[in-house]
Every structure is written in C-alpha cells, then in structure tokens.
Amino acid sequence: MKAPVLLKYRLSYAGREAGEQQLRFEKTGRGLRMTLTAEVALPLPRTKQRWVSEMDERGVPLKFSERVEGRQNRVYEVEFLREDGVIVTKGEPEFLLPYTTDYHDPLSLILALGRAEEDVVTLPLVGGRVHAERVRREPLETPWGPVEATAWRLRPGVSLIYYDPEGYPLKFSQQVGGHVFESNLQEIVHQPEPEEKPKKKSRRRGGRRRRRRR
C-alpha cells in the first residue's frame, strides 16, 4: 500500500446498510500515519469512531489513539516508548508495561499483514497477540471489477481481511453476535505527495547605502 492514499468503505451488518468508514494512509516527518474514521449505524447504538496510529518508517507503532462517541464516550491512548523500554496507556484500562518486543495496534496490524510474505504470522498486541493465517485466494467483486484477493484469518475471534495484490485491504469481515459485520472497499483515492515548502530567502543585512540627495 502506497502513501498517501484514502480508502472509502461501505459498512453492512446482517446484510443491511450499517454506515461508512474511511482509512487514510500517509507519510509524516516521523514515519507513517494511519487514520480510520467511521460512522456506524448498526449494530445499535450508533457510534462515531476515530483511530489514529503514528508509526515509524517500518510500520511499528509509536503512538495509538482511539475515540468512540456513542451511548458512552471512550478515549484511549497508547504510547510505545521504545527508548525508555515501557508502554504507557491512558484511559481504561490504564497500565504500564515493559517494552519487550515491537508491538502492534489495530491499524498497524492491517499494514503488517498487507506486507507479510509468510503464510502464518503471530503479531504481539498490548494485552495479547493475534495469530494470522493466509487461508485462500479468491476473486472478489469490487466497484471496478473482480480482483484476485488474498484472505487472512485472524484469531482469537472469527475475522477475515482480504487484500489485493498491492496490499490494499479490500474487505473486513467479523462475526459480531449471531451476525456478520462487513466493511467493503468502494473507492481508492490516490493523493499527491505534499509539496515541500520553499525555504525562505534570508534578507541580507547592510549592503550598499543609498546616497542622500543634497
């Protein structure tokens, strides 16, 4: 997946329209940033979500934040302080952990699987780990035609992520209660690289003085 890019998805729950979400991937001065914003109508209650992952150039998280607005509002932040050897969280649950390996968050996990070459990977998360297995390749219908997609199955839980050959996530599928919650890609918007600001020319002090007219 190449930055900068904006991915637009349609959400569905139990076969019904359930809202929309956007996933933005861009470069920053520190490395990379992924931002997910979603308005979810189903399952109830309606919620607004915003997740942000600040990563280094390898895609390893430096900071992750989550904001959910709904029946109950939630704000959660994680700082991955590799040099200090600790992970600090703010919000519930709040704790301090030793930094013993390169941990991932929910957004950097998406990027890591899109780049993975192995068929089975285990990625550590704060408070647990995800086991991912490349299970099959199959044609997936998109608004621009069929695409040969690779499906990854994630455990614990029952969820699947489908990628195209370039590593763009085409579809997310997760079992929620007795129904399936899906996110299907509708549009890929490639955005131009931000232009570097031109350096300001320094004004020369002094110089030739003007002669006064008598």
Protein backbone atom coordinates (compact mmCIF):
# COMPACT_ATOMS: atom_id res chain seq x y z
CA MET A 1 0.00 0.00 0.00
CA LYS A 2 1.48 3.30 -1.13
CA ALA A 3 1.04 6.59 0.72
CA PRO A 4 -0.68 8.95 0.52
CA VAL A 5 -3.99 7.23 -0.18
CA LEU A 6 -7.59 7.43 1.05
CA LEU A 7 -9.73 4.28 1.11
CA LYS A 8 -13.54 4.58 1.35
CA TYR A 9 -15.68 1.69 2.62
CA ARG A 10 -19.36 0.81 2.95
CA LEU A 11 -20.38 -0.98 6.16
CA SER A 12 -23.02 -3.69 6.47
CA TYR A 13 -24.40 -5.73 9.36
CA ALA A 14 -26.53 -8.84 8.85
CA GLY A 15 -26.85 -7.85 5.18
CA ARG A 16 -28.16 -4.35 5.97
CA GLU A 17 -26.52 -0.97 5.39
CA ALA A 18 -24.62 -0.05 8.56
CA GLY A 19 -22.69 3.15 7.80
CA GLU A 20 -19.39 4.09 6.21
CA GLN A 21 -15.72 4.43 7.07
CA GLN A 22 -12.54 5.91 5.65
CA LEU A 23 -8.95 4.77 6.07
CA ARG A 24 -6.21 7.28 5.31
CA PHE A 25 -2.55 6.25 4.95
CA GLU A 26 0.11 8.96 4.68
CA LYS A 27 3.75 9.80 5.34
CA THR A 28 4.80 12.10 8.17
CA GLY A 29 8.02 13.60 9.44
CA ARG A 30 8.33 10.74 11.94
CA GLY A 31 7.39 7.96 9.52
CA LEU A 32 3.82 6.88 8.72
CA ARG A 33 0.29 7.59 9.91
CA MET A 34 -2.95 5.66 9.50
CA THR A 35 -6.29 7.25 10.42
CA LEU A 36 -9.60 5.40 10.47
CA THR A 37 -12.86 7.31 10.86
CA ALA A 38 -16.23 5.55 10.89
CA GLU A 39 -19.90 6.30 11.44
CA VAL A 40 -21.59 3.04 12.43
CA ALA A 41 -25.41 2.79 12.48
CA LEU A 42 -25.65 -0.96 13.16
CA PRO A 43 -25.44 -2.78 15.47
CA LEU A 44 -27.01 -0.23 17.81
CA PRO A 45 -26.16 2.13 19.41
CA ARG A 46 -24.95 4.45 16.67
CA THR A 47 -21.30 5.37 17.14
CA LYS A 48 -18.61 7.59 15.70
CA GLN A 49 -15.09 6.22 15.81
CA ARG A 50 -11.66 7.68 15.14
CA TRP A 51 -8.46 5.63 15.39
CA VAL A 52 -5.00 7.06 14.71
CA SER A 53 -1.72 5.16 14.56
CA GLU A 54 1.58 7.06 14.41
CA MET A 55 4.31 4.68 13.19
CA ASP A 56 7.99 4.72 12.32
CA GLU A 57 9.18 4.12 8.76
CA ARG A 58 8.96 0.32 9.32
CA GLY A 59 5.28 0.48 10.29
CA VAL A 60 5.92 -0.18 14.00
CA PRO A 61 3.67 1.98 16.24
CA LEU A 62 4.94 4.93 18.23
CA LYS A 63 1.53 6.10 19.43
CA PHE A 64 -2.07 4.91 19.06
CA SER A 65 -5.29 6.69 20.00
CA GLU A 66 -8.95 5.67 19.90
CA ARG A 67 -12.00 7.90 20.33
CA VAL A 68 -15.53 6.46 20.33
CA GLU A 69 -18.67 8.59 20.65
CA GLY A 70 -21.94 6.79 21.29
CA ARG A 71 -24.03 5.74 24.26
CA GLN A 72 -20.82 6.02 26.26
CA ASN A 73 -17.85 8.06 25.11
CA ARG A 74 -14.40 6.49 25.24
CA VAL A 75 -10.92 7.90 24.79
CA TYR A 76 -7.91 5.60 24.87
CA GLU A 77 -4.23 6.27 24.11
CA VAL A 78 -1.11 4.12 24.00
CA GLU A 79 2.48 5.38 23.79
CA PHE A 80 5.17 2.92 22.71
CA LEU A 81 8.29 4.35 24.33
CA ARG A 82 10.91 2.03 22.87
CA GLU A 83 13.91 4.03 24.07
CA ASP A 84 12.56 4.13 27.64
CA GLY A 85 11.61 0.45 27.49
CA VAL A 86 7.96 0.95 28.50
CA ILE A 87 4.43 1.15 27.10
CA VAL A 88 2.12 3.71 28.73
CA THR A 89 -1.67 3.72 28.34
CA LYS A 90 -4.20 6.43 29.18
CA GLY A 91 -7.87 5.62 29.61
CA GLU A 92 -9.42 2.29 30.55
CA PRO A 93 -7.59 0.06 31.15
CA GLU A 94 -4.66 2.19 32.32
CA PHE A 95 -1.34 0.49 33.00
CA LEU A 96 2.41 0.45 32.42
CA LEU A 97 4.09 -2.41 30.55
CA PRO A 98 7.71 -3.23 29.73
CA TYR A 99 8.58 -2.81 26.04
CA THR A 100 9.97 -6.27 25.27
CA THR A 101 9.22 -6.53 21.52
CA ASP A 102 7.82 -4.49 18.64
CA TYR A 103 4.12 -4.37 19.47
CA HIS A 104 1.29 -3.57 17.05
CA ASP A 105 -2.02 -1.78 17.30
CA PRO A 106 -5.22 -2.49 15.28
CA LEU A 107 -4.19 -0.20 12.41
CA SER A 108 -0.51 -1.12 12.13
CA LEU A 109 -1.69 -4.74 12.13
CA ILE A 110 -3.57 -4.07 8.86
CA LEU A 111 -0.43 -2.66 7.29
CA ALA A 112 1.78 -5.50 8.58
CA LEU A 113 -0.45 -8.24 7.12
CA GLY A 114 -0.60 -6.48 3.76
CA ARG A 115 3.22 -6.63 3.63
CA ALA A 116 3.67 -10.14 5.09
CA GLU A 117 5.39 -12.76 2.95
CA GLU A 118 4.86 -15.71 5.32
CA ASP A 119 1.64 -17.74 5.33
CA VAL A 120 1.38 -17.79 9.14
CA VAL A 121 2.36 -14.90 11.43
CA THR A 122 1.91 -14.03 15.09
CA LEU A 123 1.83 -10.32 15.94
CA PRO A 124 2.00 -9.11 19.56
CA LEU A 125 -0.58 -6.57 20.71
CA VAL A 126 -0.85 -4.73 24.00
CA GLY A 127 -2.59 -7.23 26.26
CA GLY A 128 -2.43 -10.17 23.86
CA ARG A 129 -1.46 -11.36 20.40
CA VAL A 130 -3.03 -12.09 17.03
CA HIS A 131 -2.44 -15.29 15.09
CA ALA A 132 -2.97 -14.73 11.36
CA GLU A 133 -3.07 -17.37 8.63
CA ARG A 134 -3.24 -16.86 4.87
CA VAL A 135 -6.16 -19.15 4.09
CA ARG A 136 -7.06 -18.74 0.41
CA ARG A 137 -7.01 -16.67 -2.76
CA GLU A 138 -10.27 -15.91 -4.50
CA PRO A 139 -11.83 -13.38 -6.91
CA LEU A 140 -13.55 -10.60 -5.01
CA GLU A 141 -16.09 -8.30 -6.65
CA THR A 142 -15.32 -4.58 -6.37
CA PRO A 143 -16.95 -1.49 -7.95
CA TRP A 144 -14.17 -1.56 -10.61
CA GLY A 145 -14.47 -5.29 -11.36
CA PRO A 146 -13.24 -8.64 -9.97
CA VAL A 147 -9.89 -8.63 -8.13
CA GLU A 148 -7.80 -11.64 -7.12
CA ALA A 149 -7.77 -11.25 -3.34
CA THR A 150 -5.83 -12.94 -0.56
CA ALA A 151 -7.74 -13.73 2.62
CA TRP A 152 -6.17 -13.73 6.10
CA ARG A 153 -7.97 -15.35 9.04
CA LEU A 154 -7.32 -13.77 12.42
CA ARG A 155 -7.59 -15.46 15.79
CA PRO A 156 -8.73 -15.19 18.55
CA GLY A 157 -12.20 -14.40 17.29
CA VAL A 158 -13.62 -15.08 13.85
CA SER A 159 -12.49 -12.38 11.42
CA LEU A 160 -11.10 -12.15 7.89
CA ILE A 161 -9.19 -9.45 5.99
CA TYR A 162 -8.97 -9.55 2.18
CA TYR A 163 -6.12 -7.82 0.32
CA ASP A 164 -5.46 -7.11 -3.34
CA PRO A 165 -2.02 -7.96 -4.82
CA GLU A 166 -0.70 -4.44 -3.96
CA GLY A 167 -1.57 -4.80 -0.27
CA TYR A 168 -4.72 -2.65 -0.16
CA PRO A 169 -7.35 -4.02 2.27
CA LEU A 170 -10.46 -4.70 0.17
CA LYS A 171 -12.75 -6.20 2.77
CA PHE A 172 -13.03 -6.78 6.53
CA SER A 173 -15.39 -9.45 7.87
CA GLN A 174 -16.06 -10.17 11.54
CA GLN A 175 -18.57 -12.23 13.49
CA VAL A 176 -20.49 -9.95 15.88
CA GLY A 177 -23.02 -11.85 17.95
CA GLY A 178 -25.07 -14.01 15.63
CA HIS A 179 -24.42 -11.87 12.54
CA VAL A 180 -21.55 -10.79 10.30
CA PHE A 181 -20.23 -7.22 10.23
CA GLU A 182 -18.51 -6.30 6.96
CA SER A 183 -16.57 -3.38 5.54
CA ASN A 184 -16.26 -3.34 1.73
CA LEU A 185 -13.94 -1.03 -0.21
CA GLN A 186 -15.80 1.28 -2.62
CA GLU A 187 -13.13 3.72 -3.78
CA ILE A 188 -9.36 4.23 -3.74
CA VAL A 189 -8.30 7.88 -3.89
CA HIS A 190 -4.60 8.34 -4.65
CA GLN A 191 -3.49 11.70 -3.36
CA PRO A 192 -0.46 13.73 -4.49
CA GLU A 193 2.59 13.94 -2.29
CA PRO A 194 2.60 17.17 -0.27
CA GLU A 195 4.98 19.68 -1.76
CA GLU A 196 7.95 20.76 0.29
CA LYS A 197 7.70 24.35 1.43
CA PRO A 198 10.31 26.51 -0.28
CA LYS A 199 12.99 27.82 2.02
CA LYS A 200 12.68 31.48 2.83
CA LYS A 201 15.46 33.57 1.42
CA SER A 202 17.36 35.32 4.15
CA ARG A 203 17.50 39.05 3.84
CA ARG A 204 20.99 40.48 3.68
CA ARG A 205 21.70 42.99 6.32
CA GLY A 206 23.73 46.03 5.50
CA GLY A 207 24.72 46.31 1.90
CA ARG A 208 25.19 49.41 -0.17
CA ARG A 209 23.73 52.52 1.39
CA ARG A 210 21.80 54.99 -0.68
CA ARG A 211 23.38 58.36 -1.06
CA ARG A 212 21.28 61.19 0.19
CA ARG A 213 20.44 63.87 -2.27
CA ARG A 214 21.51 67.31 -1.21
